[in-house]
Amino acid sequence: MTIADTSRRAGPYVGDGVTKVFPFSYKIFSTDQLTVLRADDSTSSQLVNGVDYRVTLNANQDISPGGSITLTTAVPIGSNLAIL
């Protein structure tokens, strides 16, 4: 029997100083199951749901898993974003 392994990571997305919406395509059951990280050359930080971003889930996670996050501030040029 084979067990399917689904990647639970979206990105890294490269910051352009403008884009605020980033998709992810894996199934989750609640918005608190995501971790969003932003990193540049010298530091990394975990963003806070409801403060730094908000999550929009696709209506039917079985048919169309995933959704998107919308940042309150765009990822700066030279920084990266990952959704786990």
PDB file of N, CA and C in Angstrom:
ATOM      1  N   MET A   1       0.841  -1.178   0.000  1.00  0.00           N
ATOM      2  CA  MET A   1       0.000   0.000   0.000  1.00  0.00           C
ATOM      3  C   MET A   1       0.889   1.246   0.000  1.00  0.00           C
ATOM      4  N   THR A   2       0.564   2.180  -0.855  1.00  0.00           N
ATOM      5  CA  THR A   2       1.301   3.427  -0.943  1.00  0.00           C
ATOM      6  C   THR A   2       0.520   4.526  -0.233  1.00  0.00           C
ATOM      7  N   ILE A   3       1.240   5.312   0.536  1.00  0.00           N
ATOM      8  CA  ILE A   3       0.629   6.459   1.209  1.00  0.00           C
ATOM      9  C   ILE A   3       1.073   7.717   0.490  1.00  0.00           C
ATOM     10  N   ALA A   4       0.087   8.514   0.085  1.00  0.00           N
ATOM     11  CA  ALA A   4       0.396   9.742  -0.649  1.00  0.00           C
ATOM     12  C   ALA A   4       1.010  10.772   0.287  1.00  0.00           C
ATOM     13  N   ASP A   5       2.000  11.471  -0.222  1.00  0.00           N
ATOM     14  CA  ASP A   5       2.649  12.547   0.531  1.00  0.00           C
ATOM     15  C   ASP A   5       2.408  13.842  -0.224  1.00  0.00           C
ATOM     16  N   THR A   6       1.752  14.777   0.428  1.00  0.00           N
ATOM     17  CA  THR A   6       1.441  16.056  -0.188  1.00  0.00           C
ATOM     18  C   THR A   6       2.314  17.138   0.423  1.00  0.00           C
ATOM     19  N   SER A   7       2.965  17.917  -0.431  1.00  0.00           N
ATOM     20  CA  SER A   7       3.782  19.011   0.058  1.00  0.00           C
ATOM     21  C   SER A   7       2.905  20.031   0.760  1.00  0.00           C
ATOM     22  N   ARG A   8       3.316  20.439   1.926  1.00  0.00           N
ATOM     23  CA  ARG A   8       2.566  21.424   2.711  1.00  0.00           C
ATOM     24  C   ARG A   8       3.328  22.736   2.761  1.00  0.00           C
ATOM     25  N   ARG A   9       3.829  23.143   1.608  1.00  0.00           N
ATOM     26  CA  ARG A   9       4.603  24.378   1.527  1.00  0.00           C
ATOM     27  C   ARG A   9       4.253  25.092   0.224  1.00  0.00           C
ATOM     28  N   ALA A  10       4.086  26.389   0.326  1.00  0.00           N
ATOM     29  CA  ALA A  10       3.904  27.222  -0.860  1.00  0.00           C
ATOM     30  C   ALA A  10       4.986  28.282  -0.836  1.00  0.00           C
ATOM     31  N   GLY A  11       5.629  28.473  -1.943  1.00  0.00           N
ATOM     32  CA  GLY A  11       6.744  29.407  -1.994  1.00  0.00           C
ATOM     33  C   GLY A  11       8.046  28.637  -2.044  1.00  0.00           C
ATOM     34  N   PRO A  12       9.135  29.320  -1.905  1.00  0.00           N
ATOM     35  CA  PRO A  12       9.228  30.714  -1.482  1.00  0.00           C
ATOM     36  C   PRO A  12       8.805  31.665  -2.591  1.00  0.00           C
ATOM     37  N   TYR A  13       8.074  32.676  -2.175  1.00  0.00           N
ATOM     38  CA  TYR A  13       7.682  33.768  -3.049  1.00  0.00           C
ATOM     39  C   TYR A  13       8.680  34.894  -2.850  1.00  0.00           C
ATOM     40  N   VAL A  14       9.136  35.481  -3.943  1.00  0.00           N
ATOM     41  CA  VAL A  14      10.108  36.567  -3.887  1.00  0.00           C
ATOM     42  C   VAL A  14       9.361  37.895  -3.822  1.00  0.00           C
ATOM     43  N   GLY A  15       9.706  38.704  -2.827  1.00  0.00           N
ATOM     44  CA  GLY A  15       9.047  39.990  -2.637  1.00  0.00           C
ATOM     45  C   GLY A  15       9.336  40.965  -3.765  1.00  0.00           C
ATOM     46  N   ASP A  16       8.290  41.675  -4.177  1.00  0.00           N
ATOM     47  CA  ASP A  16       8.456  42.706  -5.210  1.00  0.00           C
ATOM     48  C   ASP A  16       8.039  44.085  -4.695  1.00  0.00           C
ATOM     49  N   GLY A  17       7.684  44.163  -3.408  1.00  0.00           N
ATOM     50  CA  GLY A  17       7.278  45.430  -2.822  1.00  0.00           C
ATOM     51  C   GLY A  17       5.853  45.837  -3.149  1.00  0.00           C
ATOM     52  N   VAL A  18       5.129  45.006  -3.930  1.00  0.00           N
ATOM     53  CA  VAL A  18       3.771  45.351  -4.365  1.00  0.00           C
ATOM     54  C   VAL A  18       2.764  44.246  -4.037  1.00  0.00           C
ATOM     55  N   THR A  19       3.097  43.012  -4.355  1.00  0.00           N
ATOM     56  CA  THR A  19       2.167  41.891  -4.221  1.00  0.00           C
ATOM     57  C   THR A  19       1.835  41.606  -2.756  1.00  0.00           C
ATOM     58  N   LYS A  20       0.531  41.444  -2.490  1.00  0.00           N
ATOM     59  CA  LYS A  20       0.076  41.155  -1.131  1.00  0.00           C
ATOM     60  C   LYS A  20      -0.684  39.839  -1.012  1.00  0.00           C
ATOM     61  N   VAL A  21      -1.107  39.252  -2.132  1.00  0.00           N
ATOM     62  CA  VAL A  21      -1.892  38.019  -2.100  1.00  0.00           C
ATOM     63  C   VAL A  21      -1.043  36.859  -2.625  1.00  0.00           C
ATOM     64  N   PHE A  22      -1.000  35.780  -1.834  1.00  0.00           N
ATOM     65  CA  PHE A  22      -0.195  34.610  -2.176  1.00  0.00           C
ATOM     66  C   PHE A  22      -1.023  33.345  -1.985  1.00  0.00           C
ATOM     67  N   PRO A  23      -1.058  32.469  -3.005  1.00  0.00           N
ATOM     68  CA  PRO A  23      -1.870  31.259  -2.928  1.00  0.00           C
ATOM     69  C   PRO A  23      -1.134  30.093  -2.270  1.00  0.00           C
ATOM     70  N   PHE A  24      -1.910  29.148  -1.782  1.00  0.00           N
ATOM     71  CA  PHE A  24      -1.395  27.840  -1.385  1.00  0.00           C
ATOM     72  C   PHE A  24      -2.412  26.810  -1.862  1.00  0.00           C
ATOM     73  N   SER A  25      -1.965  25.583  -2.118  1.00  0.00           N
ATOM     74  CA  SER A  25      -2.854  24.617  -2.780  1.00  0.00           C
ATOM     75  C   SER A  25      -3.005  23.308  -2.022  1.00  0.00           C
ATOM     76  N   TYR A  26      -2.770  23.319  -0.741  1.00  0.00           N
ATOM     77  CA  TYR A  26      -2.952  22.099   0.035  1.00  0.00           C
ATOM     78  C   TYR A  26      -4.104  22.256   1.017  1.00  0.00           C
ATOM     79  N   LYS A  27      -4.701  21.132   1.350  1.00  0.00           N
ATOM     80  CA  LYS A  27      -5.891  21.105   2.189  1.00  0.00           C
ATOM     81  C   LYS A  27      -5.547  21.420   3.646  1.00  0.00           C
ATOM     82  N   ILE A  28      -6.321  22.318   4.235  1.00  0.00           N
ATOM     83  CA  ILE A  28      -6.240  22.574   5.668  1.00  0.00           C
ATOM     84  C   ILE A  28      -7.667  22.617   6.211  1.00  0.00           C
ATOM     85  N   PHE A  29      -7.806  22.433   7.512  1.00  0.00           N
ATOM     86  CA  PHE A  29      -9.124  22.399   8.128  1.00  0.00           C
ATOM     87  C   PHE A  29      -9.463  23.687   8.864  1.00  0.00           C
ATOM     88  N   SER A  30      -8.449  24.460   9.244  1.00  0.00           N
ATOM     89  CA  SER A  30      -8.682  25.750   9.889  1.00  0.00           C
ATOM     90  C   SER A  30      -7.497  26.663   9.612  1.00  0.00           C
ATOM     91  N   THR A  31      -7.739  27.961   9.705  1.00  0.00           N
ATOM     92  CA  THR A  31      -6.709  28.938   9.346  1.00  0.00           C
ATOM     93  C   THR A  31      -5.518  28.921  10.294  1.00  0.00           C
ATOM     94  N   ASP A  32      -5.697  28.395  11.499  1.00  0.00           N
ATOM     95  CA  ASP A  32      -4.569  28.354  12.436  1.00  0.00           C
ATOM     96  C   ASP A  32      -3.585  27.230  12.116  1.00  0.00           C
ATOM     97  N   GLN A  33      -3.847  26.459  11.082  1.00  0.00           N
ATOM     98  CA  GLN A  33      -2.921  25.402  10.666  1.00  0.00           C
ATOM     99  C   GLN A  33      -1.813  25.920   9.755  1.00  0.00           C
ATOM    100  N   LEU A  34      -1.832  27.195   9.432  1.00  0.00           N
ATOM    101  CA  LEU A  34      -0.800  27.777   8.577  1.00  0.00           C
ATOM    102  C   LEU A  34       0.251  28.499   9.404  1.00  0.00           C
ATOM    103  N   THR A  35       1.477  28.438   8.912  1.00  0.00           N
ATOM    104  CA  THR A  35       2.567  29.262   9.424  1.00  0.00           C
ATOM    105  C   THR A  35       3.095  30.047   8.233  1.00  0.00           C
ATOM    106  N   VAL A  36       3.218  31.355   8.401  1.00  0.00           N
ATOM    107  CA  VAL A  36       3.717  32.208   7.322  1.00  0.00           C
ATOM    108  C   VAL A  36       5.019  32.834   7.794  1.00  0.00           C
ATOM    109  N   LEU A  37       6.075  32.621   7.006  1.00  0.00           N
ATOM    110  CA  LEU A  37       7.406  33.122   7.350  1.00  0.00           C
ATOM    111  C   LEU A  37       7.890  34.105   6.293  1.00  0.00           C
ATOM    112  N   ARG A  38       8.531  35.179   6.763  1.00  0.00           N
ATOM    113  CA  ARG A  38       9.178  36.144   5.875  1.00  0.00           C
ATOM    114  C   ARG A  38      10.650  36.190   6.238  1.00  0.00           C
ATOM    115  N   ALA A  39      11.505  36.182   5.239  1.00  0.00           N
ATOM    116  CA  ALA A  39      12.946  36.178   5.499  1.00  0.00           C
ATOM    117  C   ALA A  39      13.673  37.058   4.498  1.00  0.00           C
ATOM    118  N   ASP A  40      14.765  37.647   4.974  1.00  0.00           N
ATOM    119  CA  ASP A  40      15.680  38.338   4.074  1.00  0.00           C
ATOM    120  C   ASP A  40      17.062  37.753   4.326  1.00  0.00           C
ATOM    121  N   ASP A  41      18.111  38.424   3.893  1.00  0.00           N
ATOM    122  CA  ASP A  41      19.462  37.872   4.018  1.00  0.00           C
ATOM    123  C   ASP A  41      19.908  37.651   5.458  1.00  0.00           C
ATOM    124  N   SER A  42      19.420  38.456   6.391  1.00  0.00           N
ATOM    125  CA  SER A  42      19.947  38.374   7.748  1.00  0.00           C
ATOM    126  C   SER A  42      18.941  37.941   8.809  1.00  0.00           C
ATOM    127  N   THR A  43      17.635  38.050   8.544  1.00  0.00           N
ATOM    128  CA  THR A  43      16.649  37.705   9.569  1.00  0.00           C
ATOM    129  C   THR A  43      15.463  36.970   8.970  1.00  0.00           C
ATOM    130  N   SER A  44      14.753  36.288   9.843  1.00  0.00           N
ATOM    131  CA  SER A  44      13.476  35.694   9.449  1.00  0.00           C
ATOM    132  C   SER A  44      12.485  35.928  10.579  1.00  0.00           C
ATOM    133  N   SER A  45      11.213  35.998  10.215  1.00  0.00           N
ATOM    134  CA  SER A  45      10.192  36.210  11.232  1.00  0.00           C
ATOM    135  C   SER A  45       8.920  35.477  10.851  1.00  0.00           C
ATOM    136  N   GLN A  46       8.206  35.050  11.878  1.00  0.00           N
ATOM    137  CA  GLN A  46       6.914  34.411  11.674  1.00  0.00           C
ATOM    138  C   GLN A  46       5.845  35.498  11.740  1.00  0.00           C
ATOM    139  N   LEU A  47       5.001  35.558  10.735  1.00  0.00           N
ATOM    140  CA  LEU A  47       3.944  36.548  10.688  1.00  0.00           C
ATOM    141  C   LEU A  47       2.744  36.064  11.500  1.00  0.00           C
ATOM    142  N   VAL A  48       1.907  36.999  11.934  1.00  0.00           N
ATOM    143  CA  VAL A  48       0.783  36.695  12.818  1.00  0.00           C
ATOM    144  C   VAL A  48      -0.537  36.813  12.055  1.00  0.00           C
ATOM    145  N   ASN A  49      -1.309  35.735  12.075  1.00  0.00           N
ATOM    146  CA  ASN A  49      -2.627  35.722  11.443  1.00  0.00           C
ATOM    147  C   ASN A  49      -3.526  36.732  12.143  1.00  0.00           C
ATOM    148  N   GLY A  50      -4.216  37.558  11.365  1.00  0.00           N
ATOM    149  CA  GLY A  50      -5.091  38.577  11.919  1.00  0.00           C
ATOM    150  C   GLY A  50      -4.391  39.904  12.179  1.00  0.00           C
ATOM    151  N   VAL A  51      -3.068  39.894  12.161  1.00  0.00           N
ATOM    152  CA  VAL A  51      -2.282  41.124  12.346  1.00  0.00           C
ATOM    153  C   VAL A  51      -1.504  41.427  11.069  1.00  0.00           C
ATOM    154  N   ASP A  52      -0.684  40.463  10.638  1.00  0.00           N
ATOM    155  CA  ASP A  52       0.161  40.639   9.451  1.00  0.00           C
ATOM    156  C   ASP A  52      -0.494  40.127   8.169  1.00  0.00           C
ATOM    157  N   TYR A  53      -1.456  39.218   8.309  1.00  0.00           N
ATOM    158  CA  TYR A  53      -2.129  38.643   7.149  1.00  0.00           C
ATOM    159  C   TYR A  53      -3.484  38.086   7.567  1.00  0.00           C
ATOM    160  N   ARG A  54      -4.317  37.813   6.547  1.00  0.00           N
ATOM    161  CA  ARG A  54      -5.563  37.094   6.771  1.00  0.00           C
ATOM    162  C   ARG A  54      -5.636  35.955   5.759  1.00  0.00           C
ATOM    163  N   VAL A  55      -6.355  34.910   6.126  1.00  0.00           N
ATOM    164  CA  VAL A  55      -6.442  33.710   5.302  1.00  0.00           C
ATOM    165  C   VAL A  55      -7.832  33.610   4.675  1.00  0.00           C
ATOM    166  N   THR A  56      -7.868  33.273   3.405  1.00  0.00           N
ATOM    167  CA  THR A  56      -9.115  32.968   2.713  1.00  0.00           C
ATOM    168  C   THR A  56      -9.009  31.536   2.217  1.00  0.00           C
ATOM    169  N   LEU A  57      -9.919  30.678   2.693  1.00  0.00           N
ATOM    170  CA  LEU A  57      -9.916  29.277   2.278  1.00  0.00           C
ATOM    171  C   LEU A  57     -10.871  29.069   1.115  1.00  0.00           C
ATOM    172  N   ASN A  58     -10.508  28.185   0.196  1.00  0.00           N
ATOM    173  CA  ASN A  58     -11.438  27.791  -0.849  1.00  0.00           C
ATOM    174  C   ASN A  58     -12.635  27.111  -0.182  1.00  0.00           C
ATOM    175  N   ALA A  59     -13.810  27.283  -0.749  1.00  0.00           N
ATOM    176  CA  ALA A  59     -15.053  26.820  -0.114  1.00  0.00           C
ATOM    177  C   ALA A  59     -15.092  25.316   0.112  1.00  0.00           C
ATOM    178  N   ASN A  60     -14.622  24.528  -0.838  1.00  0.00           N
ATOM    179  CA  ASN A  60     -14.659  23.077  -0.707  1.00  0.00           C
ATOM    180  C   ASN A  60     -13.233  22.541  -0.741  1.00  0.00           C
ATOM    181  N   GLN A  61     -12.677  22.239   0.410  1.00  0.00           N
ATOM    182  CA  GLN A  61     -11.290  21.787   0.512  1.00  0.00           C
ATOM    183  C   GLN A  61     -11.075  20.410  -0.106  1.00  0.00           C
ATOM    184  N   ASP A  62     -12.136  19.608  -0.267  1.00  0.00           N
ATOM    185  CA  ASP A  62     -11.992  18.294  -0.897  1.00  0.00           C
ATOM    186  C   ASP A  62     -11.860  18.421  -2.413  1.00  0.00           C
ATOM    187  N   ILE A  63     -12.631  19.305  -3.011  1.00  0.00           N
ATOM    188  CA  ILE A  63     -12.607  19.478  -4.467  1.00  0.00           C
ATOM    189  C   ILE A  63     -11.506  20.442  -4.890  1.00  0.00           C
ATOM    190  N   SER A  64     -11.335  21.516  -4.145  1.00  0.00           N
ATOM    191  CA  SER A  64     -10.350  22.552  -4.479  1.00  0.00           C
ATOM    192  C   SER A  64      -9.582  22.945  -3.219  1.00  0.00           C
ATOM    193  N   PRO A  65      -8.599  22.135  -2.824  1.00  0.00           N
ATOM    194  CA  PRO A  65      -7.878  22.429  -1.582  1.00  0.00           C
ATOM    195  C   PRO A  65      -7.079  23.723  -1.660  1.00  0.00           C
ATOM    196  N   GLY A  66      -6.904  24.347  -0.502  1.00  0.00           N
ATOM    197  CA  GLY A  66      -6.056  25.529  -0.433  1.00  0.00           C
ATOM    198  C   GLY A  66      -6.827  26.818  -0.288  1.00  0.00           C
ATOM    199  N   GLY A  67      -6.188  27.884  -0.719  1.00  0.00           N
ATOM    200  CA  GLY A  67      -6.745  29.224  -0.618  1.00  0.00           C
ATOM    201  C   GLY A  67      -5.637  30.227  -0.828  1.00  0.00           C
ATOM    202  N   SER A  68      -5.702  31.319  -0.078  1.00  0.00           N
ATOM    203  CA  SER A  68      -4.669  32.346  -0.208  1.00  0.00           C
ATOM    204  C   SER A  68      -4.532  33.105   1.104  1.00  0.00           C
ATOM    205  N   ILE A  69      -3.391  33.773   1.226  1.00  0.00           N
ATOM    206  CA  ILE A  69      -3.211  34.715   2.319  1.00  0.00           C
ATOM    207  C   ILE A  69      -3.106  36.104   1.708  1.00  0.00           C
ATOM    208  N   THR A  70      -3.591  37.084   2.434  1.00  0.00           N
ATOM    209  CA  THR A  70      -3.476  38.475   2.017  1.00  0.00           C
ATOM    210  C   THR A  70      -2.723  39.221   3.102  1.00  0.00           C
ATOM    211  N   LEU A  71      -1.577  39.753   2.748  1.00  0.00           N
ATOM    212  CA  LEU A  71      -0.740  40.482   3.696  1.00  0.00           C
ATOM    213  C   LEU A  71      -1.255  41.894   3.903  1.00  0.00           C
ATOM    214  N   THR A  72      -1.009  42.441   5.079  1.00  0.00           N
ATOM    215  CA  THR A  72      -1.348  43.841   5.322  1.00  0.00           C
ATOM    216  C   THR A  72      -0.310  44.758   4.665  1.00  0.00           C
ATOM    217  N   THR A  73       0.918  44.267   4.518  1.00  0.00           N
ATOM    218  CA  THR A  73       2.007  45.013   3.881  1.00  0.00           C
ATOM    219  C   THR A  73       2.713  44.086   2.905  1.00  0.00           C
ATOM    220  N   ALA A  74       3.006  44.568   1.719  1.00  0.00           N
ATOM    221  CA  ALA A  74       3.680  43.753   0.704  1.00  0.00           C
ATOM    222  C   ALA A  74       5.055  43.293   1.189  1.00  0.00           C
ATOM    223  N   VAL A  75       5.495  42.156   0.667  1.00  0.00           N
ATOM    224  CA  VAL A  75       6.828  41.642   0.978  1.00  0.00           C
ATOM    225  C   VAL A  75       7.847  42.553   0.298  1.00  0.00           C
ATOM    226  N   PRO A  76       8.785  43.101   1.065  1.00  0.00           N
ATOM    227  CA  PRO A  76       9.766  44.019   0.479  1.00  0.00           C
ATOM    228  C   PRO A  76      10.650  43.335  -0.572  1.00  0.00           C
ATOM    229  N   ILE A  77      11.148  44.121  -1.487  1.00  0.00           N
ATOM    230  CA  ILE A  77      12.115  43.624  -2.469  1.00  0.00           C
ATOM    231  C   ILE A  77      13.314  43.077  -1.698  1.00  0.00           C
ATOM    232  N   GLY A  78      13.768  41.898  -2.076  1.00  0.00           N
ATOM    233  CA  GLY A  78      14.900  41.271  -1.403  1.00  0.00           C
ATOM    234  C   GLY A  78      14.515  40.330  -0.285  1.00  0.00           C
ATOM    235  N   SER A  79      13.218  40.256   0.026  1.00  0.00           N
ATOM    236  CA  SER A  79      12.737  39.333   1.050  1.00  0.00           C
ATOM    237  C   SER A  79      11.955  38.215   0.371  1.00  0.00           C
ATOM    238  N   ASN A  80      11.771  37.135   1.099  1.00  0.00           N
ATOM    239  CA  ASN A  80      11.017  35.978   0.605  1.00  0.00           C
ATOM    240  C   ASN A  80       9.911  35.641   1.589  1.00  0.00           C
ATOM    241  N   LEU A  81       8.886  34.971   1.100  1.00  0.00           N
ATOM    242  CA  LEU A  81       7.755  34.550   1.903  1.00  0.00           C
ATOM    243  C   LEU A  81       7.489  33.075   1.652  1.00  0.00           C
ATOM    244  N   ALA A  82       7.197  32.331   2.708  1.00  0.00           N
ATOM    245  CA  ALA A  82       6.820  30.925   2.585  1.00  0.00           C
ATOM    246  C   ALA A  82       5.586  30.683   3.436  1.00  0.00           C
ATOM    247  N   ILE A  83       4.693  29.844   2.919  1.00  0.00           N
ATOM    248  CA  ILE A  83       3.483  29.444   3.627  1.00  0.00           C
ATOM    249  C   ILE A  83       3.613  27.961   3.925  1.00  0.00           C
ATOM    250  N   LEU A  84       3.570  27.612   5.183  1.00  0.00           N
ATOM    251  CA  LEU A  84       3.712  26.215   5.611  1.00  0.00           C
ATOM    252  C   LEU A  84       2.455  25.762   6.316  1.00  0.00           C
TER     253      LEU A  84
END
